[in-house]
Amino acid sequence: MAGAKIARSSPRDLAARIIGNLPQDAFAKVEIAGPGFINLHLKREMIHSCLKEILQDEGKLTAEKIGRGTKLQVEFVSSNPTGPLTVGHGRQAVLGDVLSSLYEQLGYDVTREYYFNDEGRQVDLLAQSLWARYRQLCGEDVTIPEQGYQGDYLIEIAQQVKDDIADAYPVFDEAAKGFFRVRGVSVIKEMIKDDLAQLGVKFDNWFSEADLHRRGEVDAALKALTERGGTYKQDGAIWLRAEDNGGIKDSVLIRSDGRPTYLMVDIAYHMDKYRRGFNHVIDVQGADHHVEQSCMQAALKILGYPQDFLRYAVHQFVSIVEGGETLRMSTRAGRFVLLRDLTSELGRDVVRYFMVARKPETHLQFDLDLARAESLDNPVYYIQYAHTRIASIFRKAEEIDDPSEVDLSPLQSPSELDLIKQLDSFPEILEEAALRFAPHLLAEYALNLARAFHAYYADHRVLGEETDLMQARLALLSAVQMVFKNSLEILGMSTPEMM
């Protein structure tokens, strides 16, 4: 109908011309409906051939390798080493990890990177907060600084420090500041690494902001921007000409006291990424950073970098809901749900699925009651139980033919044909989930496939049917199990054989 005017034809006449050019052997029936719709009815043999391809070549289950030969860096989490990871960091950790796996499915050479902001005022506040906790343990009435860190985790670290050094730092001077900076950052870095390992998130590289400063790369980045006319001075500070280059607003790079801003250091960091030879970079970040993101893109434009070098996968925040009530959280005030506690209670599989099950751009309400449920109301167990049910069938089957050689013609029921169609769409789901930064599409796909399978299982017997039908259905279930296995592995979840 949309092309009728261009073709200078009525929609129905154009539909007839289109039908005349379709491969006739693929369709059982092709008909024109209404003002010019075309209804296509595939032959069962065509649908069976899709299943045959899957069974003959498991590579059919992966997306087209459009990223072969392309180096991609995915940077995510990158929380300041000032405290343990919270549930908010958990969403970004799982999003980044699953996105990385999806791009690996597309053939990209993926590097997962964590960037530690281990320089600057927040680390100074950490040092002073840790020192205050240390002095409190020494019996002094010392208060944590304004905007400092209140969490009980600092008491545990302070106790370790007191056990090691006794009363060595009674005053918070430069020596104490240096010691408590190093000690606090070192311990918390290891806490963060442990939290991520418990969640099944592994990084290829851990990058330190302090290294940028030591190598002089922050000064070099400022010089490069200035030489290209990308900066100006105002009120004693140096500013980025962001607005002239597509940014939301001009932003300070060097404060009036000479200290670089986070943006300035981040520009130097991305210049380092480019020097390391990455063709593309994906930063997984919260939606609250949109101004900084636009300024970063403006800076890279000034530097002459390719427009598609950096992209942002943006997500909204996480709130914990328990008993219908939303828990109030604040990291500085010490009110938060630790990621490690959530993972310890619920298990890696449940946390990972719930973190990735919603569209990243939407606020995630993590329902603790549903996540705790050990029933089929919990989508994690519902999906895994489908994989387990198929494994159980194969354990009971006395004789199984090679699935790739089985005659599939006995598969005639609508639910069987629909299952095959769902399997055939798997590669496209992988590609769409990666390129749209939408890993929730894979989570939804796995859940919908589980629904289709459980409904099929309830209505169709497999074992005990006459031989040809039983072998055809076993071949179908073999392919379904393969797709469940691939889906769960990309999501970073286990594939249990028994539950």
Protein backbone atom coordinates (compact mmCIF):
# COMPACT_ATOMS: atom_id res chain seq x y z
CA MET A 1 0.00 0.00 0.00
CA ALA A 2 2.87 2.35 0.77
CA GLY A 3 4.45 1.71 -2.62
CA ALA A 4 1.29 1.92 -4.73
CA LYS A 5 1.72 5.62 -5.55
CA ILE A 6 5.34 5.16 -6.57
CA ALA A 7 4.42 2.15 -8.72
CA ARG A 8 1.47 4.07 -10.19
CA SER A 9 -0.78 1.15 -9.45
CA SER A 10 -3.58 0.23 -7.10
CA PRO A 11 -2.42 -1.51 -3.91
CA ARG A 12 -4.11 -4.78 -4.87
CA ASP A 13 -2.59 -4.75 -8.38
CA LEU A 14 0.86 -4.09 -6.90
CA ALA A 15 0.29 -6.93 -4.42
CA ALA A 16 -0.48 -9.26 -7.34
CA ARG A 17 2.74 -8.24 -9.08
CA ILE A 18 4.72 -8.88 -5.89
CA ILE A 19 3.13 -12.31 -5.48
CA GLY A 20 4.08 -13.16 -9.06
CA ASN A 21 7.74 -12.70 -8.17
CA LEU A 22 7.76 -14.77 -4.99
CA PRO A 23 9.35 -18.26 -4.91
CA GLN A 24 6.33 -20.50 -5.27
CA ASP A 25 7.93 -23.55 -3.69
CA ALA A 26 8.21 -21.81 -0.30
CA PHE A 27 4.52 -21.17 0.31
CA ALA A 28 1.48 -23.38 0.75
CA LYS A 29 -0.75 -20.41 -0.01
CA VAL A 30 -0.33 -16.72 -0.82
CA GLU A 31 -3.37 -14.46 -0.86
CA ILE A 32 -4.29 -10.80 -1.15
CA ALA A 33 -6.41 -9.54 1.72
CA GLY A 34 -8.32 -6.30 2.26
CA PRO A 35 -7.02 -3.18 0.49
CA GLY A 36 -3.67 -4.76 -0.38
CA PHE A 37 -2.23 -6.88 2.40
CA ILE A 38 -0.36 -10.04 1.41
CA ASN A 39 -0.87 -13.11 3.60
CA LEU A 40 1.89 -15.69 3.31
CA HIS A 41 1.38 -19.28 4.44
CA LEU A 42 4.69 -21.15 4.61
CA LYS A 43 4.83 -24.80 3.63
CA ARG A 44 5.54 -27.10 6.55
CA GLU A 45 8.61 -28.33 4.69
CA MET A 46 10.06 -24.82 4.80
CA ILE A 47 9.54 -24.63 8.54
CA HIS A 48 11.04 -28.09 8.98
CA SER A 49 14.07 -27.01 6.96
CA CYS A 50 14.77 -24.26 9.52
CA LEU A 51 14.86 -26.87 12.26
CA LYS A 52 17.06 -29.11 10.10
CA GLU A 53 19.58 -26.27 9.72
CA ILE A 54 19.73 -25.79 13.46
CA LEU A 55 20.25 -29.50 14.09
CA GLN A 56 22.87 -29.89 11.37
CA ASP A 57 24.85 -26.78 12.27
CA GLU A 58 24.73 -25.35 15.77
CA GLY A 59 26.36 -22.23 14.29
CA LYS A 60 22.90 -21.42 12.95
CA LEU A 61 22.05 -20.60 16.56
CA THR A 62 24.43 -17.64 16.60
CA ALA A 63 24.07 -14.27 14.96
CA GLU A 64 25.89 -13.25 11.80
CA LYS A 65 29.53 -12.35 12.58
CA ILE A 66 29.21 -8.72 11.55
CA GLY A 67 31.89 -7.65 14.03
CA ARG A 68 34.67 -9.97 12.92
CA GLY A 69 38.03 -8.16 13.05
CA THR A 70 36.65 -5.24 15.07
CA LYS A 71 38.10 -4.37 18.49
CA LEU A 72 35.42 -3.26 20.94
CA GLN A 73 35.89 -2.07 24.50
CA VAL A 74 32.96 -2.16 26.92
CA GLU A 75 33.56 -0.11 30.08
CA PHE A 76 31.09 -0.61 32.90
CA VAL A 77 30.54 -0.38 36.66
CA SER A 78 33.65 1.84 37.20
CA SER A 79 32.48 2.73 40.71
CA ASN A 80 34.76 4.88 42.84
CA PRO A 81 36.79 2.66 45.22
CA THR A 82 35.18 4.36 48.20
CA GLY A 83 32.79 1.61 49.27
CA PRO A 84 31.39 -1.83 48.43
CA LEU A 85 29.11 -2.26 45.44
CA THR A 86 25.38 -1.74 45.93
CA VAL A 87 22.39 -3.13 44.04
CA GLY A 88 22.57 -0.07 41.78
CA HIS A 89 26.04 -1.07 40.65
CA GLY A 90 24.71 -4.59 40.18
CA ARG A 91 22.38 -3.56 37.37
CA GLN A 92 25.22 -1.93 35.48
CA ALA A 93 27.50 -4.90 36.10
CA VAL A 94 25.04 -7.37 34.60
CA LEU A 95 24.05 -5.06 31.72
CA GLY A 96 27.67 -4.53 30.77
CA ASP A 97 28.58 -8.19 31.07
CA VAL A 98 25.62 -9.44 29.02
CA LEU A 99 26.15 -6.73 26.38
CA SER A 100 29.76 -7.86 26.11
CA SER A 101 28.65 -11.46 25.61
CA LEU A 102 26.13 -10.41 22.98
CA TYR A 103 28.77 -8.53 21.01
CA GLU A 104 31.04 -11.57 21.25
CA GLN A 105 28.21 -13.51 19.62
CA LEU A 106 28.40 -11.01 16.74
CA GLY A 107 32.10 -11.74 16.30
CA TYR A 108 33.55 -8.64 17.96
CA ASP A 109 36.87 -8.84 19.79
CA VAL A 110 35.53 -7.58 23.14
CA THR A 111 37.53 -6.22 26.06
CA ARG A 112 35.68 -5.71 29.36
CA GLU A 113 37.23 -2.84 31.33
CA TYR A 114 36.73 -1.37 34.81
CA TYR A 115 37.96 2.19 35.41
CA PHE A 116 38.91 3.00 39.01
CA ASN A 117 38.53 6.68 39.93
CA ASP A 118 41.28 6.39 42.52
CA GLU A 119 42.30 10.07 42.51
CA GLY A 120 40.61 13.28 43.58
CA ARG A 121 38.45 14.69 46.34
CA GLN A 122 36.31 11.59 46.86
CA VAL A 123 39.41 9.56 47.71
CA ASP A 124 40.58 12.29 50.10
CA LEU A 125 37.18 12.11 51.82
CA LEU A 126 37.50 8.35 52.02
CA ALA A 127 40.92 8.71 53.69
CA GLN A 128 39.62 11.20 56.24
CA SER A 129 36.48 9.14 56.93
CA LEU A 130 38.57 6.00 57.46
CA TRP A 131 40.98 7.89 59.73
CA ALA A 132 38.01 9.17 61.78
CA ARG A 133 36.70 5.61 62.23
CA TYR A 134 40.22 4.52 63.21
CA ARG A 135 40.50 7.26 65.85
CA GLN A 136 37.04 6.36 67.19
CA LEU A 137 38.31 2.82 67.73
CA CYS A 138 41.28 4.36 69.55
CA GLY A 139 38.81 5.92 71.98
CA GLU A 140 38.63 9.47 70.59
CA ASP A 141 35.47 11.45 69.83
CA VAL A 142 36.22 12.23 66.17
CA THR A 143 33.47 13.04 63.67
CA ILE A 144 33.35 11.94 60.07
CA PRO A 145 33.82 14.95 57.74
CA GLU A 146 30.89 16.59 56.02
CA GLN A 147 30.16 14.75 52.75
CA GLY A 148 32.29 11.87 54.09
CA TYR A 149 31.40 8.18 54.06
CA GLN A 150 29.26 6.81 56.90
CA GLY A 151 29.01 3.11 56.05
CA ASP A 152 29.82 0.45 58.64
CA TYR A 153 32.23 -1.16 56.17
CA LEU A 154 34.75 1.53 57.18
CA ILE A 155 34.59 0.35 60.79
CA GLU A 156 35.72 -3.11 59.69
CA ILE A 157 38.61 -1.66 57.67
CA ALA A 158 39.53 0.71 60.51
CA GLN A 159 39.70 -2.22 62.91
CA GLN A 160 42.15 -3.99 60.60
CA VAL A 161 44.24 -0.80 60.42
CA LYS A 162 44.24 -0.40 64.23
CA ASP A 163 45.31 -4.02 64.65
CA ASP A 164 48.20 -3.40 62.24
CA ILE A 165 49.52 0.03 63.27
CA ALA A 166 48.11 0.68 66.78
CA ASP A 167 48.21 4.45 67.55
CA ALA A 168 50.55 5.49 64.71
CA TYR A 169 48.44 8.35 63.28
CA PRO A 170 46.88 10.50 66.03
CA VAL A 171 46.63 13.53 63.70
CA PHE A 172 45.22 13.70 60.18
CA ASP A 173 48.25 15.27 58.55
CA GLU A 174 49.69 14.66 55.08
CA ALA A 175 51.37 11.45 56.20
CA ALA A 176 48.11 10.11 57.62
CA LYS A 177 46.21 11.23 54.54
CA GLY A 178 48.61 9.35 52.26
CA PHE A 179 48.50 6.19 54.35
CA PHE A 180 44.71 6.06 54.69
CA ARG A 181 44.21 6.84 50.99
CA VAL A 182 46.36 3.91 49.95
CA ARG A 183 44.99 1.54 52.58
CA GLY A 184 41.34 2.44 52.01
CA VAL A 185 41.49 2.26 48.21
CA SER A 186 43.47 -0.99 48.29
CA VAL A 187 41.04 -2.81 50.58
CA ILE A 188 37.92 -1.52 48.85
CA LYS A 189 39.27 -2.43 45.40
CA GLU A 190 39.56 -6.03 46.55
CA MET A 191 36.04 -5.87 48.03
CA ILE A 192 34.70 -4.68 44.68
CA LYS A 193 36.53 -7.42 42.78
CA ASP A 194 35.13 -10.04 45.15
CA ASP A 195 31.59 -8.65 44.79
CA LEU A 196 31.82 -8.86 41.01
CA ALA A 197 33.32 -12.34 41.03
CA GLN A 198 30.42 -13.53 43.19
CA LEU A 199 28.06 -12.17 40.52
CA GLY A 200 29.99 -13.92 37.76
CA VAL A 201 31.37 -10.72 36.23
CA LYS A 202 34.98 -10.84 35.08
CA PHE A 203 37.01 -7.99 33.61
CA ASP A 204 39.87 -8.24 31.13
CA ASN A 205 41.44 -5.01 32.37
CA TRP A 206 41.37 -2.88 35.53
CA PHE A 207 42.40 0.69 34.70
CA SER A 208 43.61 3.23 37.28
CA GLU A 209 42.88 6.94 36.98
CA ALA A 210 46.05 7.58 38.98
CA ASP A 211 48.08 6.14 36.09
CA LEU A 212 46.75 8.86 33.77
CA HIS A 213 48.03 11.55 36.13
CA ARG A 214 51.40 9.86 36.65
CA ARG A 215 51.97 9.55 32.89
CA GLY A 216 51.03 13.18 32.25
CA GLU A 217 48.12 12.22 30.01
CA VAL A 218 45.70 14.68 31.61
CA ASP A 219 48.00 17.61 30.75
CA ALA A 220 48.53 16.18 27.27
CA ALA A 221 44.77 15.95 26.69
CA LEU A 222 44.27 19.58 27.73
CA LYS A 223 47.07 20.65 25.39
CA ALA A 224 45.51 18.73 22.47
CA LEU A 225 42.10 20.34 23.04
CA THR A 226 43.62 23.80 23.35
CA GLU A 227 45.67 23.44 20.17
CA ARG A 228 42.45 22.62 18.30
CA GLY A 229 40.65 25.67 19.68
CA GLY A 230 38.46 23.59 21.95
CA THR A 231 39.00 25.51 25.19
CA TYR A 232 38.75 29.03 26.58
CA LYS A 233 39.47 30.79 29.90
CA GLN A 234 36.82 32.39 32.04
CA ASP A 235 36.66 33.31 35.74
CA GLY A 236 40.11 31.83 36.29
CA ALA A 237 39.05 28.39 34.97
CA ILE A 238 39.55 26.61 31.65
CA TRP A 239 36.35 25.61 29.86
CA LEU A 240 35.47 23.14 27.09
CA ARG A 241 33.75 24.64 24.02
CA ALA A 242 31.06 21.97 24.19
CA GLU A 243 28.09 23.93 22.87
CA ASP A 244 29.88 24.80 19.62
CA ASN A 245 30.50 21.11 19.06
CA GLY A 246 27.16 19.52 19.85
CA GLY A 247 27.36 19.44 23.66
CA ILE A 248 24.52 20.49 25.93
CA LYS A 249 26.55 23.18 27.68
CA ASP A 250 30.15 24.36 28.06
CA SER A 251 31.81 22.73 31.06
CA VAL A 252 34.84 23.40 33.23
CA LEU A 253 37.95 21.33 32.53
CA ILE A 254 40.40 22.96 34.95
CA ARG A 255 39.08 24.66 38.08
CA SER A 256 40.32 28.09 39.14
CA ASP A 257 42.56 26.41 41.74
CA GLY A 258 44.25 24.35 38.99
CA ARG A 259 42.60 21.00 39.75
CA PRO A 260 41.20 19.04 36.77
CA THR A 261 37.53 18.12 36.78
CA TYR A 262 36.22 14.60 36.32
CA LEU A 263 35.39 15.51 32.70
CA MET A 264 38.96 16.56 31.97
CA VAL A 265 40.36 13.30 33.29
CA ASP A 266 37.69 11.30 31.46
CA ILE A 267 38.67 12.93 28.17
CA ALA A 268 42.28 11.86 28.78
CA TYR A 269 41.03 8.34 29.55
CA HIS A 270 39.12 8.11 26.26
CA MET A 271 42.12 9.40 24.34
CA ASP A 272 44.04 6.52 25.93
CA LYS A 273 41.34 4.09 24.75
CA TYR A 274 41.74 5.38 21.20
CA ARG A 275 45.53 5.01 21.36
CA ARG A 276 45.11 1.41 22.46
CA GLY A 277 43.54 0.63 19.11
CA PHE A 278 39.89 0.08 19.92
CA ASN A 279 37.65 0.63 16.89
CA HIS A 280 34.61 1.27 19.06
CA VAL A 281 33.95 1.94 22.73
CA ILE A 282 30.72 1.41 24.65
CA ASP A 283 30.37 3.10 28.05
CA VAL A 284 27.58 1.72 30.23
CA GLN A 285 26.41 4.62 32.39
CA GLY A 286 23.48 5.96 34.35
CA ALA A 287 21.02 8.33 32.72
CA ASP A 288 22.01 11.10 35.16
CA HIS A 289 25.28 11.63 33.27
CA HIS A 290 23.71 12.93 30.03
CA VAL A 291 25.37 16.38 30.26
CA GLU A 292 28.83 14.87 30.77
CA GLN A 293 28.15 12.38 27.97
CA SER A 294 27.35 15.17 25.53
CA CYS A 295 30.50 17.05 26.58
CA MET A 296 32.62 13.95 26.05
CA GLN A 297 31.21 13.53 22.55
CA ALA A 298 31.95 17.22 21.89
CA ALA A 299 35.54 16.79 23.08
CA LEU A 300 36.09 13.77 20.82
CA LYS A 301 34.67 15.77 17.91
CA ILE A 302 37.14 18.58 18.61
CA LEU A 303 39.96 16.02 18.67
CA GLY A 304 38.87 14.66 15.28
CA TYR A 305 37.93 11.16 16.41
CA PRO A 306 35.44 9.10 14.35
CA GLN A 307 31.84 9.92 15.16
CA ASP A 308 31.01 6.29 15.93
CA PHE A 309 34.04 5.71 18.18
CA LEU A 310 32.10 6.19 21.45
CA ARG A 311 28.53 5.19 22.24
CA TYR A 312 26.69 5.18 25.56
CA ALA A 313 24.48 2.36 26.81
CA VAL A 314 22.30 4.28 29.26
CA HIS A 315 20.30 2.81 32.12
CA GLN A 316 18.03 4.06 34.87
CA PHE A 317 18.35 3.34 38.57
CA VAL A 318 17.36 0.39 40.71
CA SER A 319 15.06 0.42 43.71
CA ILE A 320 14.45 -2.49 46.04
CA VAL A 321 10.83 -3.37 46.78
CA GLU A 322 9.95 -5.61 49.71
CA GLY A 323 6.45 -6.25 50.98
CA GLY A 324 5.17 -3.62 48.58
CA GLU A 325 7.42 -0.94 50.12
CA THR A 326 10.37 0.75 48.38
CA LEU A 327 13.54 0.85 50.48
CA ARG A 328 15.25 4.26 50.71
CA MET A 329 18.96 4.15 49.93
CA SER A 330 21.91 6.55 50.19
CA THR A 331 25.54 5.49 49.78
CA ARG A 332 27.09 8.43 51.64
CA ALA A 333 24.66 8.12 54.51
CA GLY A 334 25.43 4.41 54.74
CA ARG A 335 21.88 3.28 53.84
CA PHE A 336 22.10 0.79 51.00
CA VAL A 337 21.63 -2.84 50.07
CA LEU A 338 24.97 -4.42 49.33
CA LEU A 339 25.30 -6.34 46.09
CA ARG A 340 27.14 -9.14 47.88
CA ASP A 341 24.26 -9.56 50.34
CA LEU A 342 21.72 -9.72 47.54
CA THR A 343 23.79 -12.27 45.62
CA SER A 344 24.42 -14.37 48.74
CA GLU A 345 20.72 -14.53 49.56
CA LEU A 346 19.23 -15.02 46.10
CA GLY A 347 22.04 -16.65 44.13
CA ARG A 348 23.85 -15.46 41.03
CA ASP A 349 21.26 -16.67 38.53
CA VAL A 350 18.32 -14.86 40.11
CA VAL A 351 20.17 -11.57 40.57
CA ARG A 352 21.54 -11.58 37.02
CA TYR A 353 18.17 -12.32 35.41
CA PHE A 354 16.25 -9.73 37.42
CA MET A 355 18.90 -7.07 36.73
CA VAL A 356 18.65 -7.54 32.98
CA ALA A 357 14.96 -8.39 32.60
CA ARG A 358 13.73 -4.82 32.11
CA LYS A 359 14.51 -2.30 29.40
CA PRO A 360 17.65 -0.42 30.55
CA GLU A 361 16.08 2.99 29.97
CA THR A 362 13.30 2.24 32.46
CA HIS A 363 13.51 2.36 36.24
CA LEU A 364 14.02 -1.13 37.66
CA GLN A 365 12.01 -2.15 40.69
CA PHE A 366 13.75 -5.23 42.05
CA ASP A 367 10.98 -7.24 43.69
CA LEU A 368 12.63 -9.15 46.54
CA ASP A 369 9.52 -11.20 47.28
CA LEU A 370 9.28 -12.52 43.72
CA ALA A 371 13.05 -13.04 43.51
CA ARG A 372 12.97 -15.11 46.71
CA ALA A 373 10.12 -17.31 45.48
CA GLU A 374 11.32 -20.84 44.75
CA SER A 375 8.33 -21.58 42.54
CA LEU A 376 7.53 -21.39 38.87
CA ASP A 377 6.20 -17.88 39.48
CA ASN A 378 9.86 -16.90 39.53
CA PRO A 379 10.88 -16.46 35.86
CA VAL A 380 14.40 -17.74 36.56
CA TYR A 381 13.21 -21.13 37.77
CA TYR A 382 10.52 -21.22 35.08
CA ILE A 383 13.15 -20.91 32.33
CA GLN A 384 15.64 -23.26 33.96
CA TYR A 385 12.91 -25.82 34.61
CA ALA A 386 12.23 -25.97 30.88
CA HIS A 387 15.87 -26.92 30.29
CA THR A 388 15.66 -29.45 33.14
CA ARG A 389 12.48 -31.04 31.80
CA ILE A 390 14.11 -31.66 28.42
CA ALA A 391 17.19 -33.12 30.10
CA SER A 392 14.90 -35.46 32.05
CA ILE A 393 13.23 -36.65 28.85
CA PHE A 394 16.58 -37.48 27.29
CA ARG A 395 17.67 -39.37 30.40
CA LYS A 396 14.57 -41.56 30.12
CA ALA A 397 14.72 -42.08 26.35
CA GLU A 398 15.97 -45.59 25.57
CA GLU A 399 17.14 -44.98 22.00
CA ILE A 400 17.80 -41.62 20.37
CA ASP A 401 18.62 -41.24 16.70
CA ASP A 402 21.01 -38.57 15.45
CA PRO A 403 18.71 -35.50 15.56
CA SER A 404 20.23 -34.05 12.38
CA GLU A 405 19.25 -37.18 10.43
CA VAL A 406 15.69 -37.55 11.73
CA ASP A 407 12.66 -37.25 9.43
CA LEU A 408 10.89 -34.12 10.70
CA SER A 409 7.70 -34.48 8.65
CA PRO A 410 5.70 -35.91 11.61
CA LEU A 411 5.93 -32.49 13.26
CA GLN A 412 2.56 -31.15 12.16
CA SER A 413 0.84 -29.50 15.12
CA PRO A 414 0.65 -25.68 15.24
CA SER A 415 2.50 -25.60 18.56
CA GLU A 416 5.38 -27.62 17.09
CA LEU A 417 5.64 -25.34 14.08
CA ASP A 418 5.48 -22.27 16.34
CA LEU A 419 8.31 -23.63 18.46
CA ILE A 420 10.46 -24.02 15.35
CA LYS A 421 9.68 -20.45 14.27
CA GLN A 422 10.74 -19.19 17.70
CA LEU A 423 14.01 -21.10 17.45
CA ASP A 424 14.65 -19.69 14.00
CA SER A 425 14.33 -16.12 15.32
CA PHE A 426 17.09 -16.60 17.92
CA PRO A 427 19.99 -15.18 15.83
CA GLU A 428 17.99 -12.05 15.04
CA ILE A 429 17.18 -11.60 18.74
CA LEU A 430 20.89 -11.73 19.56
CA GLU A 431 21.76 -9.11 16.98
CA GLU A 432 18.93 -6.78 17.95
CA ALA A 433 19.68 -7.13 21.68
CA ALA A 434 23.32 -6.17 21.07
CA LEU A 435 22.94 -3.33 18.58
CA ARG A 436 20.05 -1.71 20.46
CA PHE A 437 21.75 -2.10 23.86
CA ALA A 438 18.69 -4.12 24.84
CA PRO A 439 19.73 -7.35 26.60
CA HIS A 440 16.25 -7.52 28.08
CA LEU A 441 15.13 -8.78 24.67
CA LEU A 442 17.10 -11.98 25.24
CA ALA A 443 15.65 -12.35 28.76
CA GLU A 444 12.13 -11.92 27.32
CA TYR A 445 12.90 -14.35 24.51
CA ALA A 446 14.03 -17.06 26.93
CA LEU A 447 10.91 -16.56 29.06
CA ASN A 448 8.58 -16.69 26.04
CA LEU A 449 10.32 -19.80 24.74
CA ALA A 450 9.86 -21.40 28.16
CA ARG A 451 6.15 -20.57 28.08
CA ALA A 452 5.80 -22.11 24.63
CA PHE A 453 7.71 -25.21 25.65
CA HIS A 454 5.81 -25.81 28.90
CA ALA A 455 2.51 -25.46 27.02
CA TYR A 456 3.74 -27.89 24.38
CA TYR A 457 4.94 -30.35 27.02
CA ALA A 458 1.53 -30.29 28.70
CA ASP A 459 -0.30 -31.20 25.46
CA HIS A 460 2.14 -33.49 23.62
CA ARG A 461 3.62 -36.76 24.70
CA VAL A 462 7.15 -37.47 23.52
CA LEU A 463 8.27 -40.83 24.90
CA GLY A 464 5.98 -43.75 24.13
CA GLU A 465 4.70 -42.36 20.82
CA GLU A 466 5.21 -44.36 17.64
CA THR A 467 8.87 -44.35 16.63
CA ASP A 468 8.91 -41.76 13.81
CA LEU A 469 6.89 -39.20 15.78
CA MET A 470 8.89 -39.79 18.96
CA GLN A 471 12.22 -39.32 17.17
CA ALA A 472 10.96 -36.15 15.43
CA ARG A 473 9.82 -34.70 18.75
CA LEU A 474 13.12 -35.64 20.40
CA ALA A 475 14.92 -33.82 17.59
CA LEU A 476 12.76 -30.74 18.19
CA LEU A 477 13.47 -30.84 21.93
CA SER A 478 17.18 -31.20 21.23
CA ALA A 479 17.10 -27.90 19.35
CA VAL A 480 14.98 -26.24 22.03
CA GLN A 481 17.46 -27.35 24.68
CA MET A 482 20.36 -25.96 22.64
CA VAL A 483 18.68 -22.56 22.44
CA PHE A 484 17.92 -22.55 26.18
CA LYS A 485 21.56 -23.44 26.87
CA ASN A 486 22.89 -20.68 24.60
CA SER A 487 20.46 -18.10 26.00
CA LEU A 488 21.27 -18.86 29.63
CA GLU A 489 25.02 -18.91 28.99
CA ILE A 490 24.90 -15.48 27.33
CA LEU A 491 22.87 -14.19 30.29
CA GLY A 492 25.57 -15.64 32.56
CA MET A 493 23.21 -18.14 34.18
CA SER A 494 23.54 -21.85 34.86
CA THR A 495 21.84 -24.63 32.87
CA PRO A 496 20.84 -27.24 35.47
CA GLU A 497 20.18 -30.81 34.41
CA MET A 498 18.11 -31.46 37.53
CA MET A 499 16.10 -29.22 39.89
